[in-house]
Amino acid sequence: MSHFTLRQLQVFAAAARHLSHSRAAEELHLSQPAVSMQIKQLEQSIGLPLFEQVGKQIHLTEAGREMVIYSRNIAQQLEEMDAVFDEMKGMQRGQLNISLVSTANYFMPKLLAKFIQLHPNINVNLFVANRDAVIKQLVENVADLAITGQPPEGVDMVSESFMQNPLVVIAAPTHPLAQVHDIQPEQLAHETFLLRERGSGTRDVMERFFTSNHLAMPGSMEMHTNEAIKQSVQAGMGLSITSLHGIELKLETNRLVILDVANFPIMRHWHIVHRANKRLSTAGRAFKQFLLTEAERLATPVPFKLATPVPFKLAK
């Protein structure tokens, strides 16, 4: 039977994340020799190498990849144990790691501020990334909960919708289509679209929109932040499909307009997601319940008018 310590697993997990002993040492506030020693002792305990050196880079061995899975599961079990004991003692405190897609960052701070006001002893860590990275953090148990506009596929995840997410086509106020009624999909096929990188939910929606209308993808420019897209659309570089939640200020100041496109807005929903086999802590359950009951009331964007006189109404 192997004998190893939780500290050795913690050091190994950090080295496996970074594939670097020095960066693991920085994260854990240890010296690099201390990290190397802990990993060597762990390798001696199990009788197999966990890393291999190729040039100046280290890589996980097959045993190392297996150890990553077990170390994550052990860490999850320990976190759940702490949460259960805290709950038994009636403690309303805890650590909550939330990962969200970048567009959700426009409304989540408002919701988090209210949640923290209700639960001041809960410490919240927030990670913002694209959809693929958010789902990866869930799979790797880095995040307890994730907020995404498109729930992941598969039975190993639990997903619940908590708020509407209207997707609209935006343009600069001076764009020729800004004063056109009932724009048809084929009228957009010759426009330039500004879109996020692959893995983004809004990019997936745009690709499905043109495919479902039997149209080739229009010319596009890829950008890695929503802010870059909004600034570029405002400058007249093209159109984009985006969440209404991310453009309220731009609409209020007349820097962007919503085009009157047939079958828009596309009404989607925001989802809160967690692993099916993860027992949520008291803090996690409290936050999930808060979103399910309060988010729609606190963070739904106010209705705006389209670029033309046709009113834009948010579906109930």
Protein backbone atom coordinates (compact mmCIF):
# COMPACT_ATOMS: atom_id res chain seq x y z
CA MET A 1 0.00 0.00 0.00
CA SER A 2 1.32 3.46 -0.94
CA HIS A 3 1.93 5.95 1.85
CA PHE A 4 1.90 9.62 0.90
CA THR A 5 0.79 12.88 2.45
CA LEU A 6 -1.84 15.39 1.46
CA ARG A 7 0.93 17.99 1.21
CA GLN A 8 2.68 15.85 -1.40
CA LEU A 9 -0.56 15.64 -3.40
CA GLN A 10 -1.02 19.40 -3.15
CA VAL A 11 2.52 20.03 -4.41
CA PHE A 12 2.08 17.48 -7.21
CA ALA A 13 -1.24 19.04 -8.29
CA ALA A 14 0.38 22.50 -8.55
CA ALA A 15 3.31 21.13 -10.56
CA ALA A 16 0.91 19.24 -12.84
CA ARG A 17 -1.15 22.39 -13.49
CA HIS A 18 1.86 24.49 -14.41
CA LEU A 19 4.14 21.72 -15.73
CA SER A 20 6.83 23.60 -13.87
CA HIS A 21 8.43 23.07 -10.46
CA SER A 22 9.40 26.74 -10.21
CA ARG A 23 5.88 28.03 -10.90
CA ALA A 24 4.43 25.50 -8.46
CA ALA A 25 6.92 26.78 -5.87
CA GLU A 26 5.75 30.36 -6.49
CA GLU A 27 2.08 29.38 -6.10
CA LEU A 28 2.69 27.46 -2.86
CA HIS A 29 5.29 29.88 -1.44
CA LEU A 30 7.92 27.13 -1.28
CA SER A 31 11.45 26.83 -2.57
CA GLN A 32 11.96 24.92 -5.80
CA PRO A 33 14.10 22.24 -4.03
CA ALA A 34 11.24 21.71 -1.54
CA VAL A 35 8.81 21.12 -4.40
CA SER A 36 11.19 18.70 -6.11
CA MET A 37 11.71 16.81 -2.85
CA GLN A 38 7.97 16.43 -2.19
CA ILE A 39 7.37 15.12 -5.71
CA LYS A 40 10.35 12.73 -5.46
CA GLN A 41 8.99 11.33 -2.19
CA LEU A 42 5.56 10.86 -3.78
CA GLU A 43 7.12 9.04 -6.74
CA GLN A 44 9.06 6.80 -4.36
CA SER A 45 5.87 6.06 -2.45
CA ILE A 46 3.93 4.86 -5.50
CA GLY A 47 6.96 3.36 -7.23
CA LEU A 48 6.47 5.13 -10.56
CA PRO A 49 7.72 8.40 -12.11
CA LEU A 50 5.04 11.10 -12.39
CA PHE A 51 6.96 13.49 -14.65
CA GLU A 52 9.45 13.09 -17.44
CA GLN A 53 11.93 15.65 -18.70
CA VAL A 54 12.00 16.48 -22.42
CA GLY A 55 14.58 19.16 -23.03
CA LYS A 56 13.85 21.94 -20.58
CA GLN A 57 10.15 21.06 -20.29
CA ILE A 58 8.57 18.52 -17.97
CA HIS A 59 5.56 16.40 -18.99
CA LEU A 60 3.21 14.12 -17.12
CA THR A 61 3.81 10.40 -17.49
CA GLU A 62 0.90 7.97 -17.79
CA ALA A 63 1.11 7.49 -14.02
CA GLY A 64 1.17 11.26 -13.59
CA ARG A 65 -2.00 11.69 -15.62
CA GLU A 66 -3.73 9.07 -13.47
CA MET A 67 -2.48 10.77 -10.31
CA VAL A 68 -3.98 14.08 -11.50
CA ILE A 69 -7.43 12.46 -11.58
CA TYR A 70 -7.06 10.91 -8.13
CA SER A 71 -5.60 14.06 -6.58
CA ARG A 72 -8.54 16.13 -7.85
CA ASN A 73 -11.03 13.62 -6.49
CA ILE A 74 -9.28 13.54 -3.12
CA ALA A 75 -9.23 17.35 -2.98
CA GLN A 76 -12.93 17.44 -3.82
CA GLN A 77 -13.73 14.91 -1.08
CA LEU A 78 -11.78 16.94 1.48
CA GLU A 79 -13.59 20.14 0.48
CA GLU A 80 -16.93 18.39 0.79
CA MET A 81 -15.95 17.00 4.19
CA ASP A 82 -15.10 20.50 5.44
CA ALA A 83 -18.40 21.83 4.05
CA VAL A 84 -20.42 19.06 5.76
CA PHE A 85 -18.75 19.65 9.13
CA ASP A 86 -19.21 23.41 8.82
CA GLU A 87 -22.86 22.83 8.04
CA MET A 88 -23.25 20.52 11.06
CA LYS A 89 -21.80 23.28 13.22
CA GLY A 90 -24.22 25.77 11.73
CA MET A 91 -21.48 27.89 10.21
CA GLN A 92 -22.54 30.27 7.42
CA ARG A 93 -19.11 30.73 5.98
CA GLY A 94 -17.11 29.10 3.27
CA GLN A 95 -15.19 29.40 0.03
CA LEU A 96 -16.98 29.58 -3.30
CA ASN A 97 -15.18 29.34 -6.66
CA ILE A 98 -17.31 30.54 -9.57
CA SER A 99 -16.30 30.47 -13.24
CA LEU A 100 -18.26 32.48 -15.80
CA VAL A 101 -18.20 33.34 -19.47
CA SER A 102 -17.06 36.88 -20.20
CA THR A 103 -20.48 38.29 -21.16
CA ALA A 104 -21.90 37.23 -17.79
CA ASN A 105 -19.35 39.51 -16.16
CA TYR A 106 -21.58 42.46 -17.09
CA PHE A 107 -24.32 41.45 -14.66
CA MET A 108 -22.66 39.02 -12.22
CA PRO A 109 -20.88 41.67 -10.08
CA LYS A 110 -24.26 43.23 -9.28
CA LEU A 111 -25.66 39.85 -8.26
CA LEU A 112 -22.55 38.92 -6.29
CA ALA A 113 -22.64 42.21 -4.40
CA LYS A 114 -26.19 41.45 -3.26
CA PHE A 115 -25.32 37.84 -2.40
CA ILE A 116 -22.27 38.87 -0.34
CA GLN A 117 -24.41 41.46 1.43
CA LEU A 118 -26.73 38.61 2.47
CA HIS A 119 -23.86 36.23 3.29
CA PRO A 120 -20.89 38.40 4.39
CA ASN A 121 -18.83 35.46 5.68
CA ILE A 122 -18.68 33.66 2.34
CA ASN A 123 -15.50 34.30 0.38
CA VAL A 124 -16.08 34.28 -3.40
CA ASN A 125 -13.41 33.77 -6.06
CA LEU A 126 -14.44 34.69 -9.60
CA PHE A 127 -12.85 33.39 -12.81
CA VAL A 128 -13.77 34.89 -16.22
CA ALA A 129 -12.99 33.01 -19.44
CA ASN A 130 -14.57 31.76 -22.67
CA ARG A 131 -17.05 28.89 -22.59
CA ASP A 132 -14.56 26.10 -23.29
CA ALA A 133 -12.24 27.27 -20.51
CA VAL A 134 -15.17 27.62 -18.09
CA ILE A 135 -16.33 24.04 -18.74
CA LYS A 136 -12.74 22.81 -18.37
CA GLN A 137 -12.53 24.44 -14.93
CA LEU A 138 -15.70 22.59 -13.94
CA VAL A 139 -14.39 19.26 -15.23
CA GLU A 140 -11.08 19.75 -13.42
CA ASN A 141 -12.91 20.73 -10.21
CA VAL A 142 -11.25 24.16 -10.15
CA ALA A 143 -14.69 25.80 -10.10
CA ASP A 144 -17.59 24.80 -7.85
CA LEU A 145 -20.17 26.45 -10.10
CA ALA A 146 -20.15 27.89 -13.61
CA ILE A 147 -22.29 30.52 -15.31
CA THR A 148 -22.71 30.04 -19.06
CA GLY A 149 -25.20 30.85 -21.77
CA GLN A 150 -24.97 27.41 -23.37
CA PRO A 151 -25.07 24.45 -20.97
CA PRO A 152 -22.52 21.69 -21.54
CA GLU A 153 -23.61 18.42 -23.07
CA GLY A 154 -23.32 15.16 -21.17
CA VAL A 155 -24.90 13.50 -18.17
CA ASP A 156 -22.02 14.32 -15.81
CA MET A 157 -23.18 17.94 -15.45
CA VAL A 158 -26.25 19.45 -13.77
CA SER A 159 -27.53 22.64 -15.43
CA GLU A 160 -30.44 24.92 -14.49
CA SER A 161 -31.53 28.11 -16.24
CA PHE A 162 -31.97 31.14 -14.01
CA MET A 163 -32.44 34.15 -16.33
CA GLN A 164 -33.26 35.05 -19.92
CA ASN A 165 -30.38 35.96 -22.22
CA PRO A 166 -31.60 37.84 -25.33
CA LEU A 167 -29.11 37.79 -28.21
CA VAL A 168 -29.37 40.71 -30.65
CA VAL A 169 -27.63 41.98 -33.79
CA ILE A 170 -25.81 45.25 -33.16
CA ALA A 171 -24.43 47.95 -35.46
CA ALA A 172 -23.14 51.50 -35.39
CA PRO A 173 -25.96 54.10 -35.55
CA THR A 174 -24.61 55.22 -38.94
CA HIS A 175 -24.72 51.75 -40.51
CA PRO A 176 -26.99 51.57 -43.63
CA LEU A 177 -29.07 48.78 -42.06
CA ALA A 178 -29.79 50.85 -38.95
CA GLN A 179 -32.93 52.32 -40.53
CA VAL A 180 -34.13 49.17 -42.31
CA HIS A 181 -37.23 47.30 -41.10
CA ASP A 182 -37.50 43.51 -40.92
CA ILE A 183 -34.00 42.69 -42.14
CA GLN A 184 -33.83 39.19 -43.62
CA PRO A 185 -30.95 36.75 -42.99
CA GLU A 186 -29.77 36.91 -46.59
CA GLN A 187 -29.32 40.68 -46.21
CA LEU A 188 -26.72 39.97 -43.53
CA ALA A 189 -24.79 37.44 -45.62
CA HIS A 190 -22.73 40.16 -47.31
CA GLU A 191 -21.87 42.04 -44.12
CA THR A 192 -18.69 41.70 -42.09
CA PHE A 193 -19.25 40.21 -38.66
CA LEU A 194 -17.02 40.69 -35.64
CA LEU A 195 -16.92 37.60 -33.48
CA ARG A 196 -15.17 35.93 -30.57
CA GLU A 197 -12.68 33.08 -30.78
CA ARG A 198 -13.74 29.46 -31.24
CA GLY A 199 -15.25 28.13 -28.04
CA SER A 200 -17.35 31.24 -27.49
CA GLY A 201 -21.10 30.78 -27.06
CA THR A 202 -22.06 33.81 -29.17
CA ARG A 203 -19.85 32.59 -32.01
CA ASP A 204 -21.62 29.23 -31.92
CA VAL A 205 -25.00 31.01 -32.11
CA MET A 206 -23.90 33.05 -35.13
CA GLU A 207 -22.62 29.97 -36.97
CA ARG A 208 -25.86 28.08 -36.29
CA PHE A 209 -27.94 31.09 -37.38
CA PHE A 210 -26.39 31.22 -40.85
CA THR A 211 -26.32 27.43 -41.21
CA SER A 212 -30.01 27.10 -40.28
CA ASN A 213 -30.84 29.71 -42.94
CA HIS A 214 -28.78 27.79 -45.54
CA LEU A 215 -26.33 30.64 -45.90
CA ALA A 216 -22.56 30.58 -46.04
CA MET A 217 -20.77 32.24 -43.17
CA PRO A 218 -20.18 35.91 -44.00
CA GLY A 219 -16.82 37.58 -43.85
CA SER A 220 -15.63 37.95 -40.30
CA MET A 221 -12.96 39.33 -38.02
CA GLU A 222 -12.04 37.47 -34.83
CA MET A 223 -11.48 39.36 -31.58
CA HIS A 224 -10.74 38.01 -28.13
CA THR A 225 -12.75 40.37 -25.92
CA ASN A 226 -16.31 41.63 -25.96
CA GLU A 227 -15.08 45.17 -25.39
CA ALA A 228 -12.94 45.03 -28.55
CA ILE A 229 -15.96 43.84 -30.52
CA LYS A 230 -18.22 46.61 -29.21
CA GLN A 231 -15.63 49.30 -29.91
CA SER A 232 -15.10 47.95 -33.43
CA VAL A 233 -18.82 47.78 -34.18
CA GLN A 234 -19.18 51.32 -32.86
CA ALA A 235 -16.40 52.40 -35.21
CA GLY A 236 -18.31 50.97 -38.19
CA MET A 237 -16.09 47.97 -38.86
CA GLY A 238 -19.00 45.52 -39.00
CA LEU A 239 -21.90 43.89 -37.18
CA SER A 240 -22.02 41.44 -34.32
CA ILE A 241 -24.38 39.14 -32.44
CA THR A 242 -24.17 39.65 -28.72
CA SER A 243 -26.06 39.43 -25.45
CA LEU A 244 -28.26 42.36 -24.53
CA HIS A 245 -26.73 42.21 -21.05
CA GLY A 246 -23.38 43.42 -22.37
CA ILE A 247 -24.49 46.51 -24.32
CA GLU A 248 -26.90 48.43 -22.08
CA LEU A 249 -24.56 51.37 -21.55
CA LYS A 250 -23.70 51.58 -25.27
CA LEU A 251 -27.41 51.66 -26.11
CA GLU A 252 -28.18 54.30 -23.50
CA THR A 253 -25.48 56.57 -24.94
CA ASN A 254 -26.53 55.87 -28.56
CA ARG A 255 -23.14 54.43 -29.47
CA LEU A 256 -24.69 51.18 -30.67
CA VAL A 257 -28.10 50.21 -32.03
CA ILE A 258 -30.04 46.96 -32.22
CA LEU A 259 -30.95 46.01 -35.78
CA ASP A 260 -34.49 44.94 -36.64
CA VAL A 261 -33.59 41.44 -37.89
CA ALA A 262 -36.23 38.79 -38.55
CA ASN A 263 -36.39 36.13 -35.81
CA PHE A 264 -34.35 38.24 -33.40
CA PRO A 265 -33.81 38.53 -30.54
CA ILE A 266 -32.81 34.90 -30.18
CA MET A 267 -34.00 34.14 -26.67
CA ARG A 268 -31.57 31.97 -24.78
CA HIS A 269 -31.00 31.56 -21.05
CA TRP A 270 -28.20 31.87 -18.57
CA HIS A 271 -27.43 28.62 -16.80
CA ILE A 272 -25.78 27.71 -13.51
CA VAL A 273 -23.84 24.47 -13.86
CA HIS A 274 -22.01 22.07 -11.56
CA ARG A 275 -20.67 18.54 -11.74
CA ALA A 276 -23.32 15.89 -11.14
CA ASN A 277 -21.09 14.03 -8.68
CA LYS A 278 -20.15 17.15 -6.71
CA ARG A 279 -21.83 17.72 -3.38
CA LEU A 280 -22.30 21.47 -3.18
CA SER A 281 -21.24 23.21 -0.01
CA THR A 282 -23.65 25.31 2.03
CA ALA A 283 -22.24 28.37 0.26
CA GLY A 284 -22.67 26.74 -3.15
CA ARG A 285 -26.26 25.76 -2.48
CA ALA A 286 -27.04 29.21 -1.12
CA PHE A 287 -25.64 30.91 -4.23
CA LYS A 288 -27.45 28.57 -6.59
CA GLN A 289 -30.76 29.19 -4.81
CA PHE A 290 -30.10 32.93 -4.84
CA LEU A 291 -29.64 32.94 -8.63
CA LEU A 292 -32.71 30.78 -9.24
CA THR A 293 -34.95 33.05 -7.17
CA GLU A 294 -33.46 36.55 -7.46
CA ALA A 295 -31.40 36.93 -10.66
CA GLU A 296 -34.31 37.59 -13.02
CA ARG A 297 -35.57 40.39 -10.77
CA LEU A 298 -32.20 41.99 -10.06
CA ALA A 299 -30.34 41.75 -13.37
CA THR A 300 -32.78 41.57 -16.29
CA PRO A 301 -31.87 44.39 -18.72
CA VAL A 302 -34.44 47.09 -19.35
CA PRO A 303 -36.16 46.90 -22.77
CA PHE A 304 -34.63 49.04 -25.50
CA LYS A 305 -35.93 50.20 -28.83
CA LEU A 306 -34.52 49.01 -32.08
CA ALA A 307 -32.68 51.33 -34.43
CA THR A 308 -35.97 51.77 -36.30
CA PRO A 309 -39.18 52.85 -34.58
CA VAL A 310 -40.15 49.19 -34.06
CA PRO A 311 -40.08 48.64 -30.25
CA PHE A 312 -37.86 45.99 -28.77
CA LYS A 313 -39.59 44.09 -26.00
CA LEU A 314 -37.92 41.58 -23.73
CA ALA A 315 -39.93 38.36 -23.61
CA LYS A 316 -41.48 37.51 -20.29
